[in-house]
Amino acid sequence: MQARDIMSSPVVSVTPDMTVKYAANLLSAHGFSALPVLDEGGRLIGVVTEADLVRDRFPRDARYRDGDGPDEPPALPPPGTVGGVMTTPAVGTGAGTDVVDLVRVLLEDRIRSMPIVDGAHVVGIVTRRDLVQALARDDEVISADVRHQLAIYGGPTRWTVEVHDGAVEVVDAFDDETDRHVATVLAQAVPGVTAVRVTSTSTTG
């Protein structure tokens, strides 16, 4: 499975001159954790996250000061635009990136989303939520998608498909190593597939 198979597209994005308030409204309305920041040419120049937006944004509640410590000096007002708070430079990856590698980067770098780029232009985004939703896809839906992909390649009656907890078992009516490899590749591209095993009737019978 590649990034293009599960990415969300088109992408909700912001520009550096947009206000923090506007970006916060977008995150809240869509349930996102981050937004790509694009320049006038649509090129990726940064990412603004929930943490970027809320950092130093709220005043301390004066009702609950203990009165024992020194007064804090007045803080400078936080930046009011996305450009003033965004994380830059931004990291993006291509649509052909293997999901295994994408998951590793998300976990190791402790980021929640990855812009998918073609050159410097954003064509999609993959979030941890996208990955969880793929993992949660119903086995019957996965099975139907795998059958559809295989039917295009070898016809609707050639393949027998069963799916259990995302693991796909395919039985081919013919015994051809090349076709089994193609069937494996096609099945692996279906969102929600966690493993693929392709055999032929000659090896299963």
N, C-alpha and C. Protein backbone atom coordinates (compact mmCIF):
# COMPACT_ATOMS: atom_id res chain seq x y z
N MET A 1 0.84 -1.18 0.00
CA MET A 1 0.00 0.00 0.00
C MET A 1 0.89 1.25 0.00
N GLN A 2 0.52 2.21 -0.80
CA GLN A 2 1.29 3.44 -0.91
C GLN A 2 0.49 4.61 -0.36
N ALA A 3 1.17 5.73 -0.18
CA ALA A 3 0.53 6.92 0.37
C ALA A 3 -0.68 7.34 -0.46
N ARG A 4 -0.59 7.21 -1.79
CA ARG A 4 -1.69 7.61 -2.65
C ARG A 4 -2.96 6.81 -2.40
N ASP A 5 -2.81 5.59 -1.86
CA ASP A 5 -3.96 4.72 -1.65
C ASP A 5 -4.82 5.14 -0.46
N ILE A 6 -4.26 5.90 0.47
CA ILE A 6 -5.03 6.28 1.66
C ILE A 6 -5.04 7.78 1.92
N MET A 7 -4.33 8.56 1.11
CA MET A 7 -4.25 10.00 1.39
C MET A 7 -5.59 10.67 1.17
N SER A 8 -5.81 11.77 1.88
CA SER A 8 -6.98 12.61 1.69
C SER A 8 -6.64 13.68 0.65
N SER A 9 -7.54 13.84 -0.31
CA SER A 9 -7.32 14.82 -1.38
C SER A 9 -8.68 15.24 -1.92
N PRO A 10 -8.89 16.52 -2.26
CA PRO A 10 -7.94 17.64 -2.14
C PRO A 10 -7.68 18.01 -0.68
N VAL A 11 -6.65 18.81 -0.49
CA VAL A 11 -6.17 19.11 0.86
C VAL A 11 -6.72 20.46 1.33
N VAL A 12 -7.18 20.49 2.57
CA VAL A 12 -7.52 21.75 3.21
C VAL A 12 -6.22 22.39 3.68
N SER A 13 -5.95 23.58 3.23
CA SER A 13 -4.67 24.23 3.53
C SER A 13 -4.90 25.68 3.91
N VAL A 14 -3.82 26.32 4.36
CA VAL A 14 -3.84 27.74 4.70
C VAL A 14 -2.64 28.42 4.07
N THR A 15 -2.66 29.74 4.07
CA THR A 15 -1.52 30.53 3.61
C THR A 15 -0.95 31.30 4.79
N PRO A 16 0.29 31.78 4.68
CA PRO A 16 0.94 32.42 5.83
C PRO A 16 0.22 33.66 6.34
N ASP A 17 -0.53 34.35 5.47
CA ASP A 17 -1.17 35.59 5.89
C ASP A 17 -2.52 35.38 6.58
N MET A 18 -3.01 34.15 6.60
CA MET A 18 -4.28 33.87 7.27
C MET A 18 -4.10 33.95 8.78
N THR A 19 -5.16 34.26 9.48
CA THR A 19 -5.07 34.47 10.93
C THR A 19 -5.04 33.13 11.68
N VAL A 20 -4.46 33.17 12.86
CA VAL A 20 -4.45 31.99 13.73
C VAL A 20 -5.88 31.57 14.04
N LYS A 21 -6.76 32.53 14.23
CA LYS A 21 -8.16 32.24 14.52
C LYS A 21 -8.80 31.44 13.38
N TYR A 22 -8.52 31.86 12.16
CA TYR A 22 -9.08 31.17 11.00
C TYR A 22 -8.56 29.74 10.92
N ALA A 23 -7.26 29.57 11.13
CA ALA A 23 -6.67 28.23 11.11
C ALA A 23 -7.26 27.35 12.21
N ALA A 24 -7.48 27.94 13.38
CA ALA A 24 -8.08 27.18 14.49
C ALA A 24 -9.49 26.74 14.14
N ASN A 25 -10.24 27.61 13.46
CA ASN A 25 -11.59 27.25 13.04
C ASN A 25 -11.57 26.08 12.06
N LEU A 26 -10.60 26.08 11.13
CA LEU A 26 -10.49 24.99 10.17
C LEU A 26 -10.18 23.67 10.88
N LEU A 27 -9.22 23.70 11.80
CA LEU A 27 -8.87 22.49 12.53
C LEU A 27 -10.07 21.97 13.31
N SER A 28 -10.76 22.87 13.96
CA SER A 28 -11.91 22.47 14.78
C SER A 28 -13.04 21.92 13.92
N ALA A 29 -13.32 22.57 12.79
CA ALA A 29 -14.44 22.17 11.95
C ALA A 29 -14.22 20.82 11.29
N HIS A 30 -12.96 20.53 10.92
CA HIS A 30 -12.67 19.30 10.17
C HIS A 30 -12.11 18.19 11.04
N GLY A 31 -11.79 18.49 12.30
CA GLY A 31 -11.21 17.47 13.16
C GLY A 31 -9.78 17.15 12.82
N PHE A 32 -9.07 18.10 12.20
CA PHE A 32 -7.66 17.88 11.84
C PHE A 32 -6.76 18.21 13.02
N SER A 33 -5.51 17.76 12.92
CA SER A 33 -4.51 18.13 13.91
C SER A 33 -3.44 19.04 13.32
N ALA A 34 -3.44 19.20 11.99
CA ALA A 34 -2.44 20.06 11.34
C ALA A 34 -2.94 20.45 9.96
N LEU A 35 -2.40 21.55 9.45
CA LEU A 35 -2.73 22.03 8.12
C LEU A 35 -1.46 22.37 7.36
N PRO A 36 -1.34 21.98 6.08
CA PRO A 36 -0.22 22.44 5.28
C PRO A 36 -0.34 23.94 5.03
N VAL A 37 0.81 24.61 4.99
CA VAL A 37 0.85 26.04 4.68
C VAL A 37 1.46 26.19 3.29
N LEU A 38 0.73 26.84 2.39
CA LEU A 38 1.17 26.97 1.00
C LEU A 38 1.43 28.43 0.66
N ASP A 39 2.40 28.65 -0.24
CA ASP A 39 2.66 30.02 -0.70
C ASP A 39 1.70 30.35 -1.84
N GLU A 40 1.89 31.51 -2.46
CA GLU A 40 0.98 31.96 -3.51
C GLU A 40 0.97 31.02 -4.70
N GLY A 41 2.06 30.30 -4.93
CA GLY A 41 2.12 29.36 -6.04
C GLY A 41 1.65 27.97 -5.70
N GLY A 42 1.12 27.77 -4.49
CA GLY A 42 0.64 26.46 -4.08
C GLY A 42 1.72 25.53 -3.61
N ARG A 43 2.91 26.05 -3.33
CA ARG A 43 4.03 25.22 -2.89
C ARG A 43 4.04 25.11 -1.37
N LEU A 44 4.44 23.96 -0.87
CA LEU A 44 4.48 23.69 0.56
C LEU A 44 5.65 24.45 1.20
N ILE A 45 5.34 25.29 2.17
CA ILE A 45 6.39 26.05 2.86
C ILE A 45 6.38 25.82 4.37
N GLY A 46 5.36 25.15 4.88
CA GLY A 46 5.30 24.94 6.32
C GLY A 46 4.09 24.10 6.69
N VAL A 47 3.99 23.82 7.97
CA VAL A 47 2.84 23.11 8.54
C VAL A 47 2.46 23.82 9.82
N VAL A 48 1.18 24.03 10.04
CA VAL A 48 0.73 24.61 11.30
C VAL A 48 -0.08 23.56 12.04
N THR A 49 0.33 23.28 13.28
CA THR A 49 -0.28 22.21 14.07
C THR A 49 -1.12 22.80 15.21
N GLU A 50 -1.84 21.92 15.87
CA GLU A 50 -2.58 22.34 17.06
C GLU A 50 -1.64 22.98 18.08
N ALA A 51 -0.47 22.36 18.28
CA ALA A 51 0.48 22.89 19.25
C ALA A 51 0.96 24.28 18.85
N ASP A 52 1.20 24.49 17.55
CA ASP A 52 1.62 25.82 17.08
C ASP A 52 0.57 26.88 17.40
N LEU A 53 -0.69 26.51 17.25
CA LEU A 53 -1.76 27.49 17.43
C LEU A 53 -2.00 27.84 18.90
N VAL A 54 -1.88 26.86 19.79
CA VAL A 54 -2.24 27.13 21.19
C VAL A 54 -1.06 27.63 22.03
N ARG A 55 0.15 27.52 21.51
CA ARG A 55 1.33 27.91 22.30
C ARG A 55 1.27 29.40 22.65
N ASP A 56 1.37 29.72 23.96
CA ASP A 56 1.38 31.10 24.47
C ASP A 56 0.13 31.88 24.09
N ARG A 57 -0.97 31.17 23.83
CA ARG A 57 -2.15 31.84 23.31
C ARG A 57 -3.12 32.29 24.40
N PHE A 58 -3.06 31.65 25.60
CA PHE A 58 -4.06 31.93 26.62
C PHE A 58 -3.43 32.64 27.81
N PRO A 59 -4.09 33.66 28.33
CA PRO A 59 -3.55 34.36 29.50
C PRO A 59 -3.76 33.54 30.78
N ARG A 60 -2.87 33.76 31.75
CA ARG A 60 -3.04 33.09 33.03
C ARG A 60 -4.25 33.67 33.75
N ASP A 61 -5.00 32.81 34.41
CA ASP A 61 -6.21 33.23 35.11
C ASP A 61 -5.82 33.95 36.40
N ALA A 62 -6.09 35.24 36.47
CA ALA A 62 -5.69 36.05 37.63
C ALA A 62 -6.45 35.67 38.90
N ARG A 63 -7.58 34.99 38.77
CA ARG A 63 -8.36 34.64 39.96
C ARG A 63 -7.65 33.61 40.83
N TYR A 64 -6.70 32.87 40.25
CA TYR A 64 -6.08 31.78 40.99
C TYR A 64 -4.59 32.00 41.23
N ARG A 65 -4.13 33.24 41.19
CA ARG A 65 -2.75 33.54 41.55
C ARG A 65 -2.57 33.35 43.05
N ASP A 66 -1.46 32.74 43.46
CA ASP A 66 -1.27 32.48 44.90
C ASP A 66 -0.76 33.70 45.64
N GLY A 67 -0.23 34.69 44.90
CA GLY A 67 0.21 35.93 45.55
C GLY A 67 1.54 35.84 46.24
N ASP A 68 2.21 34.68 46.23
CA ASP A 68 3.48 34.53 46.93
C ASP A 68 4.68 34.82 46.04
N GLY A 69 4.54 34.57 44.74
CA GLY A 69 5.67 34.75 43.85
C GLY A 69 5.70 36.14 43.26
N PRO A 70 6.84 36.50 42.62
CA PRO A 70 6.93 37.81 41.98
C PRO A 70 5.99 37.90 40.79
N ASP A 71 5.59 39.12 40.49
CA ASP A 71 4.74 39.32 39.32
C ASP A 71 5.52 38.95 38.06
N GLU A 72 4.83 38.26 37.15
CA GLU A 72 5.46 37.93 35.89
C GLU A 72 5.46 39.15 34.98
N PRO A 73 6.55 39.36 34.24
CA PRO A 73 6.57 40.49 33.32
C PRO A 73 5.51 40.30 32.25
N PRO A 74 4.93 41.37 31.76
CA PRO A 74 3.90 41.23 30.73
C PRO A 74 4.48 40.54 29.50
N ALA A 75 3.75 39.57 28.99
CA ALA A 75 4.20 38.81 27.83
C ALA A 75 3.89 39.56 26.56
N LEU A 76 4.75 39.40 25.58
CA LEU A 76 4.48 39.97 24.28
C LEU A 76 3.30 39.23 23.65
N PRO A 77 2.45 39.93 22.93
CA PRO A 77 1.32 39.23 22.30
C PRO A 77 1.84 38.21 21.29
N PRO A 78 1.25 37.03 21.23
CA PRO A 78 1.69 36.02 20.28
C PRO A 78 1.37 36.45 18.86
N PRO A 79 2.07 35.90 17.89
CA PRO A 79 1.79 36.25 16.49
C PRO A 79 0.34 35.97 16.13
N GLY A 80 -0.21 36.82 15.29
CA GLY A 80 -1.61 36.66 14.92
C GLY A 80 -1.85 35.95 13.62
N THR A 81 -0.78 35.64 12.87
CA THR A 81 -0.95 34.99 11.57
C THR A 81 -0.30 33.61 11.57
N VAL A 82 -0.73 32.81 10.62
CA VAL A 82 -0.19 31.47 10.47
C VAL A 82 1.31 31.51 10.24
N GLY A 83 1.76 32.48 9.44
CA GLY A 83 3.18 32.59 9.15
C GLY A 83 4.03 32.81 10.38
N GLY A 84 3.46 33.41 11.40
CA GLY A 84 4.20 33.69 12.62
C GLY A 84 4.32 32.51 13.56
N VAL A 85 3.51 31.47 13.36
CA VAL A 85 3.52 30.34 14.29
C VAL A 85 3.81 29.01 13.62
N MET A 86 3.82 28.96 12.30
CA MET A 86 3.95 27.68 11.60
C MET A 86 5.32 27.06 11.81
N THR A 87 5.38 25.74 11.64
CA THR A 87 6.63 25.01 11.66
C THR A 87 7.19 24.96 10.25
N THR A 88 8.42 25.42 10.09
CA THR A 88 9.04 25.46 8.78
C THR A 88 10.54 25.20 8.93
N PRO A 89 11.17 24.54 7.96
CA PRO A 89 10.59 24.00 6.72
C PRO A 89 9.71 22.80 6.99
N ALA A 90 8.84 22.52 6.04
CA ALA A 90 7.91 21.40 6.19
C ALA A 90 8.49 20.16 5.53
N VAL A 91 8.14 19.01 6.09
CA VAL A 91 8.55 17.73 5.52
C VAL A 91 7.37 17.15 4.75
N GLY A 92 7.62 16.75 3.52
CA GLY A 92 6.60 16.09 2.71
C GLY A 92 7.18 14.83 2.10
N THR A 93 6.32 13.99 1.56
CA THR A 93 6.78 12.76 0.91
C THR A 93 5.95 12.52 -0.33
N GLY A 94 6.44 11.70 -1.23
CA GLY A 94 5.76 11.45 -2.50
C GLY A 94 4.60 10.50 -2.37
N ALA A 95 3.72 10.54 -3.37
CA ALA A 95 2.53 9.68 -3.36
C ALA A 95 2.88 8.21 -3.45
N GLY A 96 4.06 7.89 -3.97
CA GLY A 96 4.47 6.50 -4.10
C GLY A 96 5.16 5.94 -2.88
N THR A 97 5.24 6.71 -1.80
CA THR A 97 5.89 6.23 -0.58
C THR A 97 5.13 5.05 0.01
N ASP A 98 5.87 4.01 0.37
CA ASP A 98 5.26 2.84 1.00
C ASP A 98 4.70 3.24 2.36
N VAL A 99 3.50 2.76 2.67
CA VAL A 99 2.86 3.11 3.94
C VAL A 99 3.70 2.66 5.12
N VAL A 100 4.44 1.57 4.97
CA VAL A 100 5.32 1.11 6.04
C VAL A 100 6.33 2.20 6.39
N ASP A 101 6.94 2.80 5.38
CA ASP A 101 7.91 3.86 5.61
C ASP A 101 7.24 5.11 6.16
N LEU A 102 6.03 5.39 5.69
CA LEU A 102 5.29 6.56 6.17
C LEU A 102 4.96 6.42 7.64
N VAL A 103 4.49 5.26 8.05
CA VAL A 103 4.17 5.01 9.47
C VAL A 103 5.42 5.17 10.32
N ARG A 104 6.54 4.65 9.84
CA ARG A 104 7.79 4.76 10.60
C ARG A 104 8.17 6.22 10.84
N VAL A 105 8.04 7.05 9.82
CA VAL A 105 8.38 8.47 9.97
C VAL A 105 7.42 9.15 10.93
N LEU A 106 6.13 8.87 10.81
CA LEU A 106 5.15 9.49 11.71
C LEU A 106 5.44 9.15 13.16
N LEU A 107 5.79 7.90 13.42
CA LEU A 107 6.03 7.46 14.79
C LEU A 107 7.38 7.95 15.30
N GLU A 108 8.43 7.80 14.49
CA GLU A 108 9.76 8.18 14.96
C GLU A 108 9.88 9.69 15.16
N ASP A 109 9.25 10.47 14.28
CA ASP A 109 9.33 11.93 14.39
C ASP A 109 8.21 12.51 15.25
N ARG A 110 7.32 11.64 15.72
CA ARG A 110 6.21 12.05 16.60
C ARG A 110 5.37 13.15 15.96
N ILE A 111 5.02 12.92 14.69
CA ILE A 111 4.13 13.84 13.99
C ILE A 111 2.83 13.12 13.66
N ARG A 112 1.79 13.89 13.49
CA ARG A 112 0.46 13.32 13.32
C ARG A 112 0.01 13.26 11.87
N SER A 113 0.68 14.01 10.99
CA SER A 113 0.25 14.04 9.60
C SER A 113 1.44 14.31 8.70
N MET A 114 1.31 13.87 7.44
CA MET A 114 2.38 14.04 6.46
C MET A 114 1.79 14.55 5.15
N PRO A 115 2.19 15.76 4.71
CA PRO A 115 1.76 16.22 3.39
C PRO A 115 2.34 15.32 2.30
N ILE A 116 1.54 15.04 1.30
CA ILE A 116 1.97 14.25 0.15
C ILE A 116 2.17 15.22 -1.01
N VAL A 117 3.37 15.21 -1.57
CA VAL A 117 3.73 16.24 -2.53
C VAL A 117 4.12 15.63 -3.87
N ASP A 118 3.90 16.44 -4.91
CA ASP A 118 4.42 16.18 -6.25
C ASP A 118 5.35 17.34 -6.54
N GLY A 119 6.66 17.12 -6.39
CA GLY A 119 7.59 18.24 -6.40
C GLY A 119 7.41 19.03 -5.11
N ALA A 120 7.07 20.31 -5.25
CA ALA A 120 6.81 21.14 -4.08
C ALA A 120 5.32 21.38 -3.88
N HIS A 121 4.48 20.81 -4.74
CA HIS A 121 3.04 21.05 -4.67
C HIS A 121 2.34 19.93 -3.90
N VAL A 122 1.47 20.31 -3.01
CA VAL A 122 0.75 19.35 -2.17
C VAL A 122 -0.40 18.73 -2.96
N VAL A 123 -0.43 17.41 -3.01
CA VAL A 123 -1.50 16.70 -3.72
C VAL A 123 -2.39 15.90 -2.76
N GLY A 124 -1.99 15.81 -1.50
CA GLY A 124 -2.77 15.06 -0.52
C GLY A 124 -2.14 15.16 0.85
N ILE A 125 -2.74 14.49 1.80
CA ILE A 125 -2.17 14.44 3.15
C ILE A 125 -2.59 13.13 3.79
N VAL A 126 -1.68 12.53 4.55
CA VAL A 126 -1.98 11.31 5.30
C VAL A 126 -1.82 11.62 6.78
N THR A 127 -2.84 11.31 7.55
CA THR A 127 -2.81 11.53 8.99
C THR A 127 -2.85 10.18 9.71
N ARG A 128 -2.54 10.22 10.99
CA ARG A 128 -2.68 8.99 11.78
C ARG A 128 -4.12 8.49 11.74
N ARG A 129 -5.06 9.43 11.68
CA ARG A 129 -6.47 9.03 11.61
C ARG A 129 -6.75 8.26 10.32
N ASP A 130 -6.15 8.69 9.20
CA ASP A 130 -6.33 7.96 7.94
C ASP A 130 -5.83 6.52 8.08
N LEU A 131 -4.70 6.36 8.76
CA LEU A 131 -4.14 5.02 8.94
C LEU A 131 -5.03 4.16 9.83
N VAL A 132 -5.56 4.76 10.89
CA VAL A 132 -6.45 4.02 11.78
C VAL A 132 -7.74 3.65 11.05
N GLN A 133 -8.27 4.57 10.24
CA GLN A 133 -9.48 4.27 9.48
C GLN A 133 -9.26 3.15 8.49
N ALA A 134 -8.07 3.13 7.86
CA ALA A 134 -7.76 2.03 6.95
C ALA A 134 -7.70 0.71 7.70
N LEU A 135 -7.07 0.74 8.87
CA LEU A 135 -6.96 -0.47 9.68
C LEU A 135 -8.32 -0.98 10.13
N ALA A 136 -9.28 -0.07 10.30
CA ALA A 136 -10.59 -0.43 10.82
C ALA A 136 -11.59 -0.82 9.73
N ARG A 137 -11.19 -0.79 8.46
CA ARG A 137 -12.12 -1.12 7.39
C ARG A 137 -12.69 -2.53 7.57
N ASP A 138 -13.95 -2.66 7.22
CA ASP A 138 -14.64 -3.94 7.37
C ASP A 138 -14.06 -4.98 6.41
N ASP A 139 -13.93 -6.21 6.90
CA ASP A 139 -13.35 -7.27 6.09
C ASP A 139 -14.13 -7.50 4.80
N GLU A 140 -15.45 -7.38 4.85
CA GLU A 140 -16.26 -7.59 3.64
C GLU A 140 -16.00 -6.51 2.61
N VAL A 141 -15.79 -5.29 3.07
CA VAL A 141 -15.48 -4.19 2.15
C VAL A 141 -14.11 -4.40 1.53
N ILE A 142 -13.14 -4.79 2.36
CA ILE A 142 -11.81 -5.09 1.84
C ILE A 142 -11.87 -6.21 0.81
N SER A 143 -12.62 -7.26 1.14
CA SER A 143 -12.74 -8.40 0.23
C SER A 143 -13.33 -7.97 -1.11
N ALA A 144 -14.36 -7.14 -1.08
CA ALA A 144 -14.96 -6.67 -2.32
C ALA A 144 -13.98 -5.85 -3.15
N ASP A 145 -13.19 -5.02 -2.48
CA ASP A 145 -12.20 -4.21 -3.20
C ASP A 145 -11.12 -5.09 -3.82
N VAL A 146 -10.67 -6.10 -3.07
CA VAL A 146 -9.65 -7.00 -3.61
C VAL A 146 -10.21 -7.77 -4.81
N ARG A 147 -11.43 -8.28 -4.70
CA ARG A 147 -12.05 -9.00 -5.82
C ARG A 147 -12.15 -8.11 -7.05
N HIS A 148 -12.50 -6.84 -6.82
CA HIS A 148 -12.62 -5.91 -7.95
C HIS A 148 -11.27 -5.73 -8.64
N GLN A 149 -10.21 -5.54 -7.87
CA GLN A 149 -8.88 -5.37 -8.46
C GLN A 149 -8.45 -6.62 -9.22
N LEU A 150 -8.72 -7.79 -8.64
CA LEU A 150 -8.30 -9.03 -9.29
C LEU A 150 -9.14 -9.33 -10.52
N ALA A 151 -10.42 -8.95 -10.50
CA ALA A 151 -11.28 -9.19 -11.65
C ALA A 151 -10.80 -8.41 -12.87
N ILE A 152 -10.29 -7.21 -12.64
CA ILE A 152 -9.77 -6.41 -13.74
C ILE A 152 -8.58 -7.11 -14.38
N TYR A 153 -7.80 -7.79 -13.57
CA TYR A 153 -6.58 -8.42 -14.08
C TYR A 153 -6.84 -9.80 -14.69
N GLY A 154 -7.61 -10.63 -14.00
CA GLY A 154 -7.74 -12.02 -14.45
C GLY A 154 -9.15 -12.52 -14.64
N GLY A 155 -10.13 -11.63 -14.54
CA GLY A 155 -11.51 -12.07 -14.71
C GLY A 155 -12.19 -12.34 -13.38
N PRO A 156 -13.52 -12.24 -13.34
CA PRO A 156 -14.26 -12.30 -12.08
C PRO A 156 -14.35 -13.70 -11.46
N THR A 157 -14.12 -14.77 -12.23
CA THR A 157 -14.32 -16.11 -11.68
C THR A 157 -13.00 -16.83 -11.37
N ARG A 158 -11.89 -16.19 -11.65
CA ARG A 158 -10.60 -16.88 -11.49
C ARG A 158 -10.17 -16.97 -10.04
N TRP A 159 -10.50 -15.96 -9.21
CA TRP A 159 -9.92 -15.83 -7.89
C TRP A 159 -10.94 -16.10 -6.78
N THR A 160 -10.51 -16.76 -5.73
CA THR A 160 -11.31 -16.89 -4.51
C THR A 160 -10.62 -16.06 -3.42
N VAL A 161 -11.40 -15.20 -2.77
CA VAL A 161 -10.82 -14.26 -1.81
C VAL A 161 -11.52 -14.39 -0.46
N GLU A 162 -10.74 -14.49 0.58
CA GLU A 162 -11.25 -14.45 1.95
C GLU A 162 -10.39 -13.47 2.75
N VAL A 163 -11.04 -12.75 3.66
CA VAL A 163 -10.33 -11.76 4.47
C VAL A 163 -10.71 -11.96 5.93
N HIS A 164 -9.70 -12.02 6.78
CA HIS A 164 -9.92 -12.15 8.23
C HIS A 164 -9.03 -11.13 8.94
N ASP A 165 -9.66 -10.15 9.59
CA ASP A 165 -8.93 -9.10 10.32
C ASP A 165 -7.88 -8.42 9.44
N GLY A 166 -8.26 -8.19 8.19
CA GLY A 166 -7.38 -7.49 7.26
C GLY A 166 -6.40 -8.36 6.52
N ALA A 167 -6.24 -9.62 6.94
CA ALA A 167 -5.32 -10.55 6.26
C ALA A 167 -6.06 -11.22 5.11
N VAL A 168 -5.50 -11.13 3.92
CA VAL A 168 -6.17 -11.59 2.70
C VAL A 168 -5.60 -12.93 2.26
N GLU A 169 -6.49 -13.87 1.99
CA GLU A 169 -6.13 -15.16 1.41
C GLU A 169 -6.75 -15.23 0.02
N VAL A 170 -5.90 -15.40 -1.00
CA VAL A 170 -6.36 -15.48 -2.38
C VAL A 170 -5.98 -16.84 -2.94
N VAL A 171 -6.94 -17.49 -3.55
CA VAL A 171 -6.67 -18.75 -4.23
C VAL A 171 -6.91 -18.53 -5.73
N ASP A 172 -5.88 -18.85 -6.54
CA ASP A 172 -5.93 -18.68 -7.99
C ASP A 172 -6.33 -20.00 -8.64
N ALA A 173 -7.23 -19.91 -9.60
CA ALA A 173 -7.65 -21.12 -10.30
C ALA A 173 -6.56 -21.69 -11.17
N PHE A 174 -5.55 -20.88 -11.49
CA PHE A 174 -4.42 -21.34 -12.30
C PHE A 174 -3.14 -21.29 -11.47
N ASP A 175 -2.15 -21.98 -11.96
CA ASP A 175 -0.88 -22.05 -11.25
C ASP A 175 0.18 -21.29 -12.05
N ASP A 176 0.30 -19.99 -11.76
CA ASP A 176 1.25 -19.15 -12.49
C ASP A 176 1.94 -18.23 -11.49
N GLU A 177 3.24 -18.38 -11.36
CA GLU A 177 3.98 -17.61 -10.35
C GLU A 177 3.90 -16.12 -10.61
N THR A 178 4.00 -15.71 -11.86
CA THR A 178 3.93 -14.28 -12.20
C THR A 178 2.57 -13.70 -11.84
N ASP A 179 1.51 -14.43 -12.15
CA ASP A 179 0.16 -13.95 -11.82
C ASP A 179 -0.04 -13.87 -10.32
N ARG A 180 0.53 -14.82 -9.58
CA ARG A 180 0.41 -14.75 -8.13
C ARG A 180 1.11 -13.50 -7.59
N HIS A 181 2.24 -13.17 -8.17
CA HIS A 181 2.94 -11.94 -7.75
C HIS A 181 2.10 -10.71 -8.04
N VAL A 182 1.52 -10.65 -9.24
CA VAL A 182 0.67 -9.50 -9.59
C VAL A 182 -0.53 -9.42 -8.65
N ALA A 183 -1.14 -10.56 -8.36
CA ALA A 183 -2.29 -10.58 -7.46
C ALA A 183 -1.90 -10.07 -6.07
N THR A 184 -0.72 -10.44 -5.62
CA THR A 184 -0.24 -9.96 -4.31
C THR A 184 -0.10 -8.45 -4.31
N VAL A 185 0.51 -7.92 -5.36
CA VAL A 185 0.71 -6.47 -5.46
C VAL A 185 -0.63 -5.74 -5.50
N LEU A 186 -1.58 -6.25 -6.27
CA LEU A 186 -2.89 -5.61 -6.37
C LEU A 186 -3.63 -5.63 -5.03
N ALA A 187 -3.56 -6.76 -4.34
CA ALA A 187 -4.25 -6.86 -3.05
C ALA A 187 -3.61 -5.97 -2.00
N GLN A 188 -2.28 -5.88 -2.01
CA GLN A 188 -1.59 -5.05 -1.03
C GLN A 188 -1.94 -3.58 -1.16
N ALA A 189 -2.38 -3.16 -2.35
CA ALA A 189 -2.71 -1.75 -2.57
C ALA A 189 -4.08 -1.36 -2.02
N VAL A 190 -4.86 -2.33 -1.58
CA VAL A 190 -6.21 -2.04 -1.07
C VAL A 190 -6.11 -1.56 0.38
N PRO A 191 -6.67 -0.39 0.69
CA PRO A 191 -6.63 0.10 2.08
C PRO A 191 -7.24 -0.87 3.06
N GLY A 192 -6.54 -1.09 4.16
CA GLY A 192 -7.01 -1.98 5.20
C GLY A 192 -6.38 -3.35 5.16
N VAL A 193 -5.69 -3.68 4.06
CA VAL A 193 -5.04 -4.98 3.95
C VAL A 193 -3.76 -4.97 4.80
N THR A 194 -3.63 -5.96 5.67
CA THR A 194 -2.46 -6.04 6.54
C THR A 194 -1.50 -7.15 6.15
N ALA A 195 -1.99 -8.13 5.37
CA ALA A 195 -1.14 -9.22 4.91
C ALA A 195 -1.83 -9.87 3.72
N VAL A 196 -1.03 -10.46 2.82
CA VAL A 196 -1.59 -11.12 1.64
C VAL A 196 -0.87 -12.46 1.44
N ARG A 197 -1.67 -13.49 1.19
CA ARG A 197 -1.14 -14.81 0.84
C ARG A 197 -1.90 -15.29 -0.38
N VAL A 198 -1.16 -15.58 -1.45
CA VAL A 198 -1.77 -16.04 -2.69
C VAL A 198 -1.29 -17.45 -2.99
N THR A 199 -2.21 -18.37 -3.18
CA THR A 199 -1.89 -19.75 -3.55
C THR A 199 -2.72 -20.11 -4.77
N SER A 200 -2.46 -21.28 -5.31
CA SER A 200 -3.25 -21.79 -6.44
C SER A 200 -3.99 -23.04 -6.01
N THR A 201 -4.98 -23.41 -6.78
CA THR A 201 -5.77 -24.59 -6.43
C THR A 201 -4.91 -25.85 -6.43
N SER A 202 -3.84 -25.84 -7.23
CA SER A 202 -2.97 -27.01 -7.27
C SER A 202 -2.15 -27.17 -6.00
N THR A 203 -1.89 -26.05 -5.32
CA THR A 203 -1.12 -26.12 -4.08
C THR A 203 -2.02 -26.25 -2.85
N THR A 204 -3.28 -25.83 -2.98
CA THR A 204 -4.19 -25.93 -1.84
C THR A 204 -4.98 -27.23 -1.84
N GLY A 205 -5.10 -27.80 -3.01
CA GLY A 205 -5.88 -29.03 -3.08
C GLY A 205 -5.01 -30.24 -2.85
